[in-house]
Amino acid sequence: MKQLFKYTSMPVRILEDGYIRATQLCALNDPFEATYCSDGLNKLTAHFEGFAPSEIEDYVERFKHHVGVICLSEVKDSLLMWSHYADEHRGALVGLFVDHPHLGIFANLLPFQGTMWASEDGHGVFSGKCLPVKYRRQPRYRVDRYDFDYSEFFAQGCDRFLFEIFQQKSEEWIYEREHRITLRLEQADVVRIVDLEASRNGNLVSTIKGLDAYRLV
């Protein structure tokens, strides 16, 4: 049974409310998150019949802000992570069993059917599995574009590339020994908006307020 740890400044949301945040790209603290070698990706995907290389890269660029990651660690006593992720040592550390059939994080993960590549269970590559981050010196696809098995590409589609760019980080972060659950934001149970009234998109504000599930917290 694998136990991993979540450093957090707001443990109440996990322990009492039962929610854990899937963090969007714009809110991750590493400015090089989800970076990749564009030229290498295009050279790789040029071998896939039926797809123009630019089509796959355009998909990744369009939807990488529709992805959220739940970041966990093997390490529970890192002073740096207590400082960075747990409100400068004033937060908490929550231990989670991520692969237990009954105690795991996701018992009923919402399916994602936003593309033609959804699998039979509706999740595709965004299945809720917790995977170790790969630490590397070079951006994905620069020197390793032929080192991975893409035989299932036509079952996984462009989501395969969208998923895997979030499963890598620079080796400068190796001390975190991170594991990630990578999901589409459309799979969220709850969407929290800090200041809806600050939005300049009046139509968006009106639409959200008109939803049955909308409530102030």
N, C-alpha and C. Protein backbone atom coordinates (compact mmCIF):
# COMPACT_ATOMS: atom_id res chain seq x y z
N MET A 1 0.85 -1.18 0.00
CA MET A 1 0.00 0.00 0.00
C MET A 1 0.89 1.24 0.00
N LYS A 2 0.74 2.09 -0.98
CA LYS A 2 1.61 3.24 -1.13
C LYS A 2 1.02 4.45 -0.42
N GLN A 3 1.80 5.05 0.48
CA GLN A 3 1.38 6.29 1.12
C GLN A 3 2.28 7.41 0.63
N LEU A 4 1.66 8.47 0.16
CA LEU A 4 2.37 9.66 -0.26
C LEU A 4 1.85 10.84 0.56
N PHE A 5 2.54 11.96 0.44
CA PHE A 5 2.25 13.08 1.34
C PHE A 5 1.95 14.36 0.58
N LYS A 6 0.97 15.08 1.09
CA LYS A 6 0.56 16.36 0.51
C LYS A 6 0.88 17.47 1.50
N TYR A 7 1.81 18.36 1.12
CA TYR A 7 2.08 19.55 1.90
C TYR A 7 0.99 20.57 1.57
N THR A 8 0.39 21.17 2.58
CA THR A 8 -0.72 22.07 2.31
C THR A 8 -0.80 23.18 3.36
N SER A 9 -1.27 24.32 2.92
CA SER A 9 -1.51 25.43 3.86
C SER A 9 -2.95 25.42 4.36
N MET A 10 -3.82 24.61 3.73
CA MET A 10 -5.23 24.58 4.10
C MET A 10 -5.71 23.13 4.23
N PRO A 11 -5.30 22.44 5.30
CA PRO A 11 -5.68 21.03 5.44
C PRO A 11 -7.17 20.80 5.62
N VAL A 12 -7.91 21.83 6.05
CA VAL A 12 -9.35 21.67 6.28
C VAL A 12 -10.06 21.25 5.00
N ARG A 13 -9.63 21.78 3.88
CA ARG A 13 -10.27 21.44 2.60
C ARG A 13 -10.15 19.95 2.30
N ILE A 14 -9.05 19.35 2.71
CA ILE A 14 -8.86 17.93 2.47
C ILE A 14 -9.54 17.10 3.55
N LEU A 15 -9.28 17.44 4.80
CA LEU A 15 -9.70 16.59 5.91
C LEU A 15 -11.19 16.73 6.23
N GLU A 16 -11.75 17.92 6.09
CA GLU A 16 -13.16 18.12 6.42
C GLU A 16 -14.04 18.20 5.19
N ASP A 17 -13.61 18.97 4.19
CA ASP A 17 -14.44 19.14 3.00
C ASP A 17 -14.31 17.97 2.03
N GLY A 18 -13.18 17.26 2.10
CA GLY A 18 -13.00 16.09 1.23
C GLY A 18 -12.53 16.42 -0.16
N TYR A 19 -11.95 17.61 -0.35
CA TYR A 19 -11.48 18.01 -1.67
C TYR A 19 -9.96 18.20 -1.66
N ILE A 20 -9.33 17.89 -2.78
CA ILE A 20 -7.90 18.15 -2.94
C ILE A 20 -7.70 18.87 -4.26
N ARG A 21 -6.87 19.89 -4.26
CA ARG A 21 -6.76 20.76 -5.42
C ARG A 21 -5.94 20.13 -6.54
N ALA A 22 -6.46 20.26 -7.74
CA ALA A 22 -5.69 19.97 -8.95
C ALA A 22 -5.22 21.32 -9.49
N THR A 23 -3.94 21.59 -9.38
CA THR A 23 -3.40 22.92 -9.65
C THR A 23 -3.19 23.13 -11.15
N GLN A 24 -3.66 24.29 -11.63
CA GLN A 24 -3.51 24.62 -13.05
C GLN A 24 -2.07 25.05 -13.36
N LEU A 25 -1.74 25.02 -14.63
CA LEU A 25 -0.39 25.37 -15.08
C LEU A 25 0.02 26.76 -14.59
N CYS A 26 -0.88 27.73 -14.68
CA CYS A 26 -0.53 29.11 -14.32
C CYS A 26 -0.23 29.27 -12.84
N ALA A 27 -0.65 28.30 -12.01
CA ALA A 27 -0.46 28.42 -10.56
C ALA A 27 0.69 27.56 -10.04
N LEU A 28 1.33 26.78 -10.90
CA LEU A 28 2.48 25.97 -10.48
C LEU A 28 3.70 26.87 -10.31
N ASN A 29 4.55 26.55 -9.33
CA ASN A 29 5.62 27.48 -8.99
C ASN A 29 6.86 27.35 -9.87
N ASP A 30 6.94 26.34 -10.69
CA ASP A 30 8.07 26.18 -11.60
C ASP A 30 7.72 26.82 -12.94
N PRO A 31 8.40 27.89 -13.34
CA PRO A 31 8.06 28.56 -14.61
C PRO A 31 8.32 27.71 -15.85
N PHE A 32 9.03 26.59 -15.68
CA PHE A 32 9.33 25.72 -16.81
C PHE A 32 8.43 24.49 -16.87
N GLU A 33 7.34 24.51 -16.10
CA GLU A 33 6.39 23.40 -16.15
C GLU A 33 5.83 23.24 -17.56
N ALA A 34 5.66 21.98 -17.95
CA ALA A 34 5.01 21.62 -19.22
C ALA A 34 5.72 22.20 -20.43
N THR A 35 7.02 22.47 -20.30
CA THR A 35 7.79 22.89 -21.47
C THR A 35 8.28 21.67 -22.23
N TYR A 36 8.48 21.83 -23.50
CA TYR A 36 8.93 20.73 -24.35
C TYR A 36 9.61 21.31 -25.59
N CYS A 37 10.31 20.48 -26.29
CA CYS A 37 10.99 20.91 -27.52
C CYS A 37 10.01 20.82 -28.68
N SER A 38 9.59 21.95 -29.17
CA SER A 38 8.60 22.00 -30.25
C SER A 38 9.11 21.31 -31.51
N ASP A 39 10.37 21.57 -31.86
CA ASP A 39 10.94 20.98 -33.07
C ASP A 39 11.00 19.46 -32.95
N GLY A 40 11.39 18.97 -31.76
CA GLY A 40 11.45 17.53 -31.55
C GLY A 40 10.09 16.88 -31.62
N LEU A 41 9.07 17.53 -31.04
CA LEU A 41 7.72 16.99 -31.11
C LEU A 41 7.23 16.92 -32.54
N ASN A 42 7.49 17.94 -33.32
CA ASN A 42 7.03 17.94 -34.71
C ASN A 42 7.75 16.89 -35.54
N LYS A 43 9.03 16.64 -35.27
CA LYS A 43 9.76 15.59 -35.99
C LYS A 43 9.22 14.21 -35.63
N LEU A 44 8.85 14.04 -34.35
CA LEU A 44 8.28 12.77 -33.92
C LEU A 44 6.92 12.53 -34.56
N THR A 45 6.04 13.51 -34.49
CA THR A 45 4.67 13.32 -34.95
C THR A 45 4.56 13.32 -36.47
N ALA A 46 5.62 13.71 -37.14
CA ALA A 46 5.63 13.62 -38.60
C ALA A 46 5.51 12.17 -39.07
N HIS A 47 5.81 11.22 -38.19
CA HIS A 47 5.74 9.79 -38.53
C HIS A 47 4.33 9.22 -38.32
N PHE A 48 3.40 10.01 -37.76
CA PHE A 48 2.05 9.52 -37.49
C PHE A 48 1.15 9.83 -38.67
N GLU A 49 0.68 8.80 -39.33
CA GLU A 49 -0.18 9.01 -40.49
C GLU A 49 -1.52 9.60 -40.08
N GLY A 50 -1.98 10.52 -40.88
CA GLY A 50 -3.29 11.11 -40.64
C GLY A 50 -3.26 12.36 -39.78
N PHE A 51 -2.06 12.73 -39.30
CA PHE A 51 -1.95 13.93 -38.47
C PHE A 51 -0.85 14.82 -39.03
N ALA A 52 -1.14 16.10 -39.15
CA ALA A 52 -0.10 17.07 -39.45
C ALA A 52 0.63 17.39 -38.15
N PRO A 53 1.97 17.50 -38.17
CA PRO A 53 2.70 17.80 -36.94
C PRO A 53 2.15 19.02 -36.21
N SER A 54 1.81 20.06 -36.96
CA SER A 54 1.32 21.27 -36.32
C SER A 54 -0.02 21.04 -35.63
N GLU A 55 -0.80 20.07 -36.11
CA GLU A 55 -2.10 19.77 -35.51
C GLU A 55 -1.94 19.29 -34.08
N ILE A 56 -0.96 18.43 -33.85
CA ILE A 56 -0.76 17.89 -32.50
C ILE A 56 -0.19 18.96 -31.57
N GLU A 57 0.76 19.74 -32.05
CA GLU A 57 1.31 20.80 -31.21
C GLU A 57 0.25 21.85 -30.90
N ASP A 58 -0.58 22.18 -31.87
CA ASP A 58 -1.66 23.15 -31.64
C ASP A 58 -2.62 22.65 -30.57
N TYR A 59 -2.88 21.35 -30.58
CA TYR A 59 -3.77 20.76 -29.57
C TYR A 59 -3.15 20.90 -28.18
N VAL A 60 -1.88 20.58 -28.06
CA VAL A 60 -1.19 20.67 -26.78
C VAL A 60 -1.20 22.10 -26.27
N GLU A 61 -0.89 23.05 -27.13
CA GLU A 61 -0.85 24.45 -26.71
C GLU A 61 -2.24 24.97 -26.34
N ARG A 62 -3.23 24.49 -27.03
CA ARG A 62 -4.59 24.96 -26.76
C ARG A 62 -5.12 24.44 -25.43
N PHE A 63 -4.80 23.19 -25.10
CA PHE A 63 -5.44 22.56 -23.95
C PHE A 63 -4.55 22.39 -22.73
N LYS A 64 -3.29 22.84 -22.78
CA LYS A 64 -2.43 22.64 -21.61
C LYS A 64 -2.89 23.46 -20.41
N HIS A 65 -3.71 24.48 -20.65
CA HIS A 65 -4.27 25.25 -19.54
C HIS A 65 -5.58 24.65 -19.06
N HIS A 66 -5.98 23.51 -19.63
CA HIS A 66 -7.17 22.78 -19.18
C HIS A 66 -6.78 21.58 -18.33
N VAL A 67 -5.54 21.54 -17.90
CA VAL A 67 -5.01 20.42 -17.14
C VAL A 67 -4.70 20.87 -15.71
N GLY A 68 -4.96 20.00 -14.74
CA GLY A 68 -4.59 20.26 -13.36
C GLY A 68 -3.80 19.08 -12.81
N VAL A 69 -2.86 19.35 -11.92
CA VAL A 69 -2.06 18.28 -11.34
C VAL A 69 -2.17 18.30 -9.82
N ILE A 70 -2.29 17.12 -9.24
CA ILE A 70 -2.25 16.95 -7.79
C ILE A 70 -0.85 16.47 -7.45
N CYS A 71 -0.12 17.28 -6.71
CA CYS A 71 1.29 17.02 -6.45
C CYS A 71 1.47 16.41 -5.06
N LEU A 72 2.07 15.24 -5.02
CA LEU A 72 2.34 14.52 -3.78
C LEU A 72 3.83 14.19 -3.71
N SER A 73 4.29 13.80 -2.55
CA SER A 73 5.71 13.53 -2.38
C SER A 73 5.94 12.27 -1.56
N GLU A 74 7.07 11.61 -1.82
CA GLU A 74 7.50 10.49 -0.99
C GLU A 74 8.07 10.98 0.34
N VAL A 75 8.44 12.28 0.39
CA VAL A 75 9.19 12.83 1.51
C VAL A 75 8.26 13.60 2.45
N LYS A 76 8.35 13.35 3.74
CA LYS A 76 7.50 14.06 4.69
C LYS A 76 8.26 15.01 5.62
N ASP A 77 9.57 15.10 5.46
CA ASP A 77 10.36 15.90 6.39
C ASP A 77 11.31 16.86 5.67
N SER A 78 10.88 17.37 4.51
CA SER A 78 11.72 18.31 3.76
C SER A 78 11.46 19.73 4.25
N LEU A 79 12.48 20.38 4.80
CA LEU A 79 12.32 21.75 5.28
C LEU A 79 11.96 22.70 4.14
N LEU A 80 12.53 22.47 2.98
CA LEU A 80 12.21 23.32 1.83
C LEU A 80 10.73 23.21 1.45
N MET A 81 10.21 22.00 1.40
CA MET A 81 8.81 21.83 1.01
C MET A 81 7.86 22.30 2.10
N TRP A 82 8.24 22.16 3.36
CA TRP A 82 7.43 22.73 4.43
C TRP A 82 7.35 24.24 4.27
N SER A 83 8.43 24.85 3.82
CA SER A 83 8.45 26.30 3.64
C SER A 83 7.67 26.72 2.40
N HIS A 84 7.88 26.01 1.29
CA HIS A 84 7.29 26.42 0.01
C HIS A 84 5.80 26.11 -0.08
N TYR A 85 5.38 24.97 0.43
CA TYR A 85 4.04 24.47 0.16
C TYR A 85 3.13 24.39 1.38
N ALA A 86 3.66 24.61 2.58
CA ALA A 86 2.86 24.47 3.80
C ALA A 86 2.90 25.76 4.61
N ASP A 87 2.71 26.88 3.92
CA ASP A 87 2.57 28.18 4.59
C ASP A 87 3.72 28.46 5.54
N GLU A 88 4.94 28.25 5.03
CA GLU A 88 6.16 28.53 5.80
C GLU A 88 6.14 27.85 7.16
N HIS A 89 5.86 26.54 7.12
CA HIS A 89 5.87 25.67 8.30
C HIS A 89 4.64 25.83 9.20
N ARG A 90 3.67 26.65 8.78
CA ARG A 90 2.46 26.82 9.59
C ARG A 90 1.31 25.94 9.10
N GLY A 91 1.52 25.22 8.01
CA GLY A 91 0.49 24.37 7.44
C GLY A 91 0.50 22.97 8.01
N ALA A 92 0.26 22.01 7.15
CA ALA A 92 0.16 20.62 7.61
C ALA A 92 0.63 19.68 6.51
N LEU A 93 0.84 18.44 6.92
CA LEU A 93 1.21 17.38 5.99
C LEU A 93 0.13 16.30 6.09
N VAL A 94 -0.47 15.95 4.97
CA VAL A 94 -1.54 14.96 4.95
C VAL A 94 -1.04 13.72 4.21
N GLY A 95 -1.11 12.57 4.88
CA GLY A 95 -0.72 11.32 4.23
C GLY A 95 -1.91 10.71 3.51
N LEU A 96 -1.69 10.26 2.28
CA LEU A 96 -2.76 9.72 1.44
C LEU A 96 -2.35 8.36 0.89
N PHE A 97 -3.28 7.41 0.93
CA PHE A 97 -3.08 6.13 0.27
C PHE A 97 -3.64 6.26 -1.15
N VAL A 98 -2.77 6.23 -2.13
CA VAL A 98 -3.20 6.57 -3.49
C VAL A 98 -3.58 5.35 -4.32
N ASP A 99 -3.26 4.14 -3.86
CA ASP A 99 -3.55 2.97 -4.69
C ASP A 99 -4.35 1.90 -3.96
N HIS A 100 -4.91 2.23 -2.81
CA HIS A 100 -5.75 1.27 -2.09
C HIS A 100 -7.13 1.26 -2.72
N PRO A 101 -7.74 0.09 -2.96
CA PRO A 101 -9.03 0.04 -3.66
C PRO A 101 -10.17 0.76 -2.94
N HIS A 102 -10.06 0.91 -1.60
CA HIS A 102 -11.13 1.56 -0.85
C HIS A 102 -10.70 2.89 -0.22
N LEU A 103 -9.41 3.04 0.03
CA LEU A 103 -8.92 4.25 0.67
C LEU A 103 -8.23 5.20 -0.30
N GLY A 104 -8.22 4.86 -1.58
CA GLY A 104 -7.57 5.69 -2.57
C GLY A 104 -8.27 7.02 -2.74
N ILE A 105 -7.61 7.96 -3.43
CA ILE A 105 -8.16 9.30 -3.59
C ILE A 105 -9.44 9.28 -4.41
N PHE A 106 -9.47 8.48 -5.47
CA PHE A 106 -10.62 8.52 -6.37
C PHE A 106 -11.37 7.20 -6.36
N ALA A 107 -12.58 7.24 -5.83
CA ALA A 107 -13.45 6.07 -5.92
C ALA A 107 -14.37 6.18 -7.14
N ASN A 108 -14.76 7.42 -7.47
CA ASN A 108 -15.67 7.64 -8.59
C ASN A 108 -15.20 8.84 -9.39
N LEU A 109 -14.09 8.66 -10.09
CA LEU A 109 -13.53 9.75 -10.89
C LEU A 109 -14.45 10.07 -12.05
N LEU A 110 -14.73 11.38 -12.20
CA LEU A 110 -15.57 11.80 -13.32
C LEU A 110 -14.88 11.47 -14.63
N PRO A 111 -15.62 10.93 -15.60
CA PRO A 111 -15.01 10.63 -16.90
C PRO A 111 -14.72 11.90 -17.66
N PHE A 112 -13.75 11.82 -18.53
CA PHE A 112 -13.48 12.94 -19.43
C PHE A 112 -13.73 12.47 -20.84
N GLN A 113 -14.70 13.08 -21.51
CA GLN A 113 -15.07 12.66 -22.85
C GLN A 113 -15.01 13.85 -23.82
N GLY A 114 -14.00 14.67 -23.61
CA GLY A 114 -13.90 15.88 -24.41
C GLY A 114 -13.29 15.68 -25.78
N THR A 115 -12.73 14.51 -26.04
CA THR A 115 -12.13 14.26 -27.34
C THR A 115 -12.59 12.91 -27.86
N MET A 116 -12.27 12.67 -29.10
CA MET A 116 -12.65 11.40 -29.72
C MET A 116 -11.83 10.24 -29.18
N TRP A 117 -10.83 10.53 -28.32
CA TRP A 117 -9.92 9.48 -27.87
C TRP A 117 -10.26 8.93 -26.50
N ALA A 118 -11.42 9.26 -25.97
CA ALA A 118 -11.78 8.72 -24.66
C ALA A 118 -11.84 7.19 -24.73
N SER A 119 -11.31 6.54 -23.71
CA SER A 119 -11.29 5.08 -23.69
C SER A 119 -12.64 4.56 -23.23
N GLU A 120 -12.75 3.24 -23.12
CA GLU A 120 -14.03 2.64 -22.75
C GLU A 120 -14.51 3.12 -21.38
N ASP A 121 -13.57 3.39 -20.46
CA ASP A 121 -13.99 3.84 -19.13
C ASP A 121 -14.24 5.34 -19.10
N GLY A 122 -14.03 6.01 -20.24
CA GLY A 122 -14.31 7.44 -20.32
C GLY A 122 -13.17 8.33 -19.86
N HIS A 123 -12.06 7.76 -19.38
CA HIS A 123 -10.99 8.56 -18.82
C HIS A 123 -9.85 8.80 -19.80
N GLY A 124 -9.59 7.88 -20.70
CA GLY A 124 -8.42 7.99 -21.55
C GLY A 124 -7.16 7.97 -20.70
N VAL A 125 -6.18 8.80 -21.04
CA VAL A 125 -4.94 8.84 -20.27
C VAL A 125 -5.13 9.56 -18.93
N PHE A 126 -6.22 10.31 -18.79
CA PHE A 126 -6.48 11.04 -17.54
C PHE A 126 -7.29 10.15 -16.61
N SER A 127 -6.66 9.07 -16.16
CA SER A 127 -7.35 8.00 -15.43
C SER A 127 -7.29 8.17 -13.91
N GLY A 128 -6.54 9.16 -13.43
CA GLY A 128 -6.40 9.35 -11.99
C GLY A 128 -5.27 8.55 -11.37
N LYS A 129 -4.46 7.88 -12.19
CA LYS A 129 -3.33 7.13 -11.65
C LYS A 129 -2.26 8.10 -11.14
N CYS A 130 -1.63 7.72 -10.04
CA CYS A 130 -0.56 8.53 -9.46
C CYS A 130 0.78 7.97 -9.96
N LEU A 131 1.53 8.78 -10.67
CA LEU A 131 2.77 8.33 -11.31
C LEU A 131 3.95 9.18 -10.85
N PRO A 132 5.12 8.58 -10.72
CA PRO A 132 6.30 9.36 -10.33
C PRO A 132 6.71 10.32 -11.44
N VAL A 133 7.14 11.49 -11.04
CA VAL A 133 7.65 12.49 -11.99
C VAL A 133 9.00 12.03 -12.51
N LYS A 134 9.26 12.28 -13.79
CA LYS A 134 10.55 11.97 -14.39
C LYS A 134 11.39 13.24 -14.39
N TYR A 135 12.55 13.16 -13.76
CA TYR A 135 13.45 14.32 -13.69
C TYR A 135 14.48 14.21 -14.80
N ARG A 136 14.73 15.33 -15.49
CA ARG A 136 15.53 15.27 -16.70
C ARG A 136 16.29 16.57 -16.90
N ARG A 137 17.33 16.49 -17.71
CA ARG A 137 18.12 17.68 -18.01
C ARG A 137 17.59 18.43 -19.22
N GLN A 138 17.07 17.71 -20.17
CA GLN A 138 16.62 18.30 -21.43
C GLN A 138 15.10 18.34 -21.49
N PRO A 139 14.51 19.31 -22.18
CA PRO A 139 13.07 19.32 -22.38
C PRO A 139 12.61 18.07 -23.13
N ARG A 140 11.40 17.65 -22.89
CA ARG A 140 10.86 16.46 -23.55
C ARG A 140 10.92 16.62 -25.05
N TYR A 141 11.27 15.53 -25.73
CA TYR A 141 11.32 15.39 -27.20
C TYR A 141 12.60 15.97 -27.82
N ARG A 142 13.46 16.64 -27.06
CA ARG A 142 14.66 17.21 -27.68
C ARG A 142 15.64 16.11 -28.07
N VAL A 143 15.95 15.20 -27.15
CA VAL A 143 16.92 14.15 -27.44
C VAL A 143 16.33 12.75 -27.27
N ASP A 144 15.09 12.66 -26.84
CA ASP A 144 14.53 11.35 -26.50
C ASP A 144 13.24 11.04 -27.25
N ARG A 145 13.01 11.71 -28.35
CA ARG A 145 11.69 11.58 -28.98
C ARG A 145 11.41 10.17 -29.51
N TYR A 146 12.45 9.38 -29.73
CA TYR A 146 12.23 8.01 -30.22
C TYR A 146 12.46 6.96 -29.13
N ASP A 147 12.55 7.41 -27.89
CA ASP A 147 12.86 6.48 -26.80
C ASP A 147 11.63 5.88 -26.12
N PHE A 148 10.43 6.28 -26.54
CA PHE A 148 9.22 5.82 -25.87
C PHE A 148 8.30 5.11 -26.86
N ASP A 149 7.46 4.28 -26.33
CA ASP A 149 6.54 3.47 -27.14
C ASP A 149 5.28 4.27 -27.44
N TYR A 150 5.07 4.58 -28.70
CA TYR A 150 3.87 5.31 -29.11
C TYR A 150 2.95 4.42 -29.94
N SER A 151 3.03 3.13 -29.73
CA SER A 151 2.21 2.21 -30.51
C SER A 151 0.72 2.37 -30.22
N GLU A 152 0.39 2.93 -29.04
CA GLU A 152 -1.02 3.12 -28.69
C GLU A 152 -1.49 4.54 -28.99
N PHE A 153 -0.74 5.26 -29.79
CA PHE A 153 -1.10 6.65 -30.04
C PHE A 153 -2.51 6.81 -30.59
N PHE A 154 -2.90 5.93 -31.51
CA PHE A 154 -4.21 6.11 -32.15
C PHE A 154 -5.35 5.76 -31.19
N ALA A 155 -5.05 5.11 -30.08
CA ALA A 155 -6.05 4.91 -29.04
C ALA A 155 -6.06 6.07 -28.04
N GLN A 156 -4.87 6.66 -27.83
CA GLN A 156 -4.74 7.73 -26.84
C GLN A 156 -4.85 9.12 -27.46
N GLY A 157 -4.47 9.25 -28.71
CA GLY A 157 -4.58 10.52 -29.41
C GLY A 157 -3.65 11.59 -28.86
N CYS A 158 -3.97 12.84 -29.19
CA CYS A 158 -3.13 13.96 -28.79
C CYS A 158 -3.06 14.13 -27.28
N ASP A 159 -4.05 13.56 -26.57
CA ASP A 159 -4.01 13.64 -25.12
C ASP A 159 -2.77 12.96 -24.55
N ARG A 160 -2.22 12.01 -25.26
CA ARG A 160 -0.99 11.34 -24.81
C ARG A 160 0.12 12.38 -24.60
N PHE A 161 0.29 13.28 -25.54
CA PHE A 161 1.33 14.30 -25.45
C PHE A 161 0.97 15.36 -24.42
N LEU A 162 -0.30 15.72 -24.37
CA LEU A 162 -0.76 16.69 -23.37
C LEU A 162 -0.50 16.17 -21.97
N PHE A 163 -0.72 14.88 -21.77
CA PHE A 163 -0.53 14.27 -20.45
C PHE A 163 0.95 14.20 -20.08
N GLU A 164 1.78 13.74 -20.99
CA GLU A 164 3.15 13.42 -20.60
C GLU A 164 4.03 14.65 -20.39
N ILE A 165 3.68 15.81 -20.93
CA ILE A 165 4.51 16.99 -20.67
C ILE A 165 4.36 17.47 -19.23
N PHE A 166 3.29 17.00 -18.54
CA PHE A 166 3.11 17.36 -17.14
C PHE A 166 3.76 16.34 -16.19
N GLN A 167 4.29 15.25 -16.75
CA GLN A 167 4.89 14.21 -15.92
C GLN A 167 6.41 14.31 -15.87
N GLN A 168 6.95 15.49 -16.19
CA GLN A 168 8.39 15.68 -16.20
C GLN A 168 8.74 17.01 -15.54
N LYS A 169 9.93 17.06 -14.96
CA LYS A 169 10.44 18.31 -14.39
C LYS A 169 11.95 18.31 -14.52
N SER A 170 12.54 19.49 -14.38
CA SER A 170 13.99 19.60 -14.37
C SER A 170 14.56 18.83 -13.19
N GLU A 171 15.75 18.28 -13.37
CA GLU A 171 16.38 17.51 -12.30
C GLU A 171 16.74 18.39 -11.09
N GLU A 172 16.63 19.71 -11.25
CA GLU A 172 16.85 20.60 -10.10
C GLU A 172 15.83 20.36 -8.99
N TRP A 173 14.69 19.74 -9.35
CA TRP A 173 13.61 19.51 -8.40
C TRP A 173 13.61 18.08 -7.86
N ILE A 174 14.66 17.34 -8.10
CA ILE A 174 14.64 15.92 -7.77
C ILE A 174 14.50 15.67 -6.26
N TYR A 175 14.90 16.65 -5.45
CA TYR A 175 14.81 16.48 -4.00
C TYR A 175 13.35 16.32 -3.54
N GLU A 176 12.38 16.75 -4.37
CA GLU A 176 10.97 16.66 -3.97
C GLU A 176 10.43 15.24 -4.09
N ARG A 177 11.07 14.42 -4.92
CA ARG A 177 10.61 13.02 -5.11
C ARG A 177 9.09 13.00 -5.30
N GLU A 178 8.68 13.71 -6.31
CA GLU A 178 7.26 14.00 -6.53
C GLU A 178 6.55 12.90 -7.32
N HIS A 179 5.30 12.69 -6.97
CA HIS A 179 4.38 11.86 -7.74
C HIS A 179 3.19 12.74 -8.10
N ARG A 180 2.62 12.49 -9.28
CA ARG A 180 1.53 13.36 -9.74
C ARG A 180 0.33 12.57 -10.23
N ILE A 181 -0.83 13.16 -9.96
CA ILE A 181 -2.07 12.74 -10.59
C ILE A 181 -2.45 13.86 -11.55
N THR A 182 -2.47 13.55 -12.82
CA THR A 182 -2.71 14.57 -13.85
C THR A 182 -4.10 14.36 -14.44
N LEU A 183 -4.90 15.41 -14.40
CA LEU A 183 -6.30 15.33 -14.80
C LEU A 183 -6.68 16.51 -15.68
N ARG A 184 -7.78 16.36 -16.39
CA ARG A 184 -8.38 17.50 -17.07
C ARG A 184 -9.25 18.25 -16.06
N LEU A 185 -9.27 19.56 -16.14
CA LEU A 185 -10.06 20.35 -15.21
C LEU A 185 -11.55 20.05 -15.34
N GLU A 186 -11.95 19.52 -16.49
CA GLU A 186 -13.36 19.15 -16.68
C GLU A 186 -13.77 17.99 -15.77
N GLN A 187 -12.81 17.31 -15.18
CA GLN A 187 -13.10 16.20 -14.28
C GLN A 187 -13.30 16.64 -12.83
N ALA A 188 -13.18 17.93 -12.56
CA ALA A 188 -13.27 18.43 -11.19
C ALA A 188 -14.69 18.29 -10.66
N ASP A 189 -14.79 17.97 -9.36
CA ASP A 189 -16.08 17.96 -8.68
C ASP A 189 -16.54 19.37 -8.34
N VAL A 190 -15.57 20.23 -8.02
CA VAL A 190 -15.86 21.60 -7.61
C VAL A 190 -14.86 22.53 -8.27
N VAL A 191 -15.32 23.69 -8.71
CA VAL A 191 -14.44 24.73 -9.23
C VAL A 191 -14.56 25.93 -8.30
N ARG A 192 -13.45 26.35 -7.71
CA ARG A 192 -13.45 27.48 -6.79
C ARG A 192 -12.93 28.72 -7.52
N ILE A 193 -13.71 29.78 -7.49
CA ILE A 193 -13.33 31.06 -8.09
C ILE A 193 -13.17 32.06 -6.97
N VAL A 194 -11.96 32.59 -6.82
CA VAL A 194 -11.66 33.44 -5.68
C VAL A 194 -12.47 34.72 -5.70
N ASP A 195 -12.53 35.39 -6.85
CA ASP A 195 -13.24 36.67 -6.94
C ASP A 195 -13.95 36.75 -8.28
N LEU A 196 -15.14 36.18 -8.32
CA LEU A 196 -15.89 36.15 -9.57
C LEU A 196 -16.22 37.55 -10.07
N GLU A 197 -16.52 38.46 -9.16
CA GLU A 197 -16.93 39.81 -9.56
C GLU A 197 -15.79 40.58 -10.22
N ALA A 198 -14.56 40.12 -10.02
CA ALA A 198 -13.42 40.82 -10.62
C ALA A 198 -13.28 40.50 -12.10
N SER A 199 -14.02 39.50 -12.58
CA SER A 199 -13.92 39.14 -13.99
C SER A 199 -14.49 40.24 -14.88
N ARG A 200 -13.80 40.49 -15.96
CA ARG A 200 -14.27 41.49 -16.92
C ARG A 200 -15.24 40.92 -17.94
N ASN A 201 -15.43 39.60 -17.88
CA ASN A 201 -16.32 38.93 -18.82
C ASN A 201 -17.71 38.82 -18.19
N GLY A 202 -18.56 39.78 -18.50
CA GLY A 202 -19.88 39.81 -17.91
C GLY A 202 -20.72 38.61 -18.25
N ASN A 203 -20.58 38.11 -19.48
CA ASN A 203 -21.35 36.93 -19.89
C ASN A 203 -20.94 35.70 -19.08
N LEU A 204 -19.64 35.58 -18.81
CA LEU A 204 -19.16 34.45 -18.01
C LEU A 204 -19.71 34.53 -16.59
N VAL A 205 -19.67 35.73 -15.99
CA VAL A 205 -20.18 35.90 -14.63
C VAL A 205 -21.66 35.53 -14.57
N SER A 206 -22.43 36.01 -15.54
CA SER A 206 -23.87 35.73 -15.55
C SER A 206 -24.14 34.23 -15.73
N THR A 207 -23.34 33.59 -16.58
CA THR A 207 -23.53 32.16 -16.83
C THR A 207 -23.25 31.35 -15.57
N ILE A 208 -22.15 31.69 -14.88
CA ILE A 208 -21.78 30.96 -13.67
C ILE A 208 -22.82 31.16 -12.57
N LYS A 209 -23.28 32.38 -12.41
CA LYS A 209 -24.27 32.65 -11.37
C LYS A 209 -25.60 31.96 -11.66
N GLY A 210 -25.83 31.67 -12.93
CA GLY A 210 -27.07 31.01 -13.30
C GLY A 210 -27.05 29.50 -13.15
N LEU A 211 -25.89 28.95 -12.84
CA LEU A 211 -25.78 27.49 -12.67
C LEU A 211 -26.45 27.04 -11.39
N ASP A 212 -27.10 25.90 -11.42
CA ASP A 212 -27.75 25.34 -10.23
C ASP A 212 -26.73 25.06 -9.13
N ALA A 213 -25.50 24.71 -9.53
CA ALA A 213 -24.48 24.33 -8.55
C ALA A 213 -23.74 25.52 -7.96
N TYR A 214 -24.04 26.73 -8.45
CA TYR A 214 -23.30 27.91 -8.01
C TYR A 214 -23.69 28.27 -6.57
N ARG A 215 -22.69 28.53 -5.73
CA ARG A 215 -22.96 29.00 -4.38
C ARG A 215 -21.76 29.78 -3.86
N LEU A 216 -22.01 30.74 -2.99
CA LEU A 216 -20.95 31.50 -2.38
C LEU A 216 -20.40 30.74 -1.17
N VAL A 217 -19.08 30.79 -0.98
CA VAL A 217 -18.47 30.16 0.18
C VAL A 217 -17.62 31.17 0.93
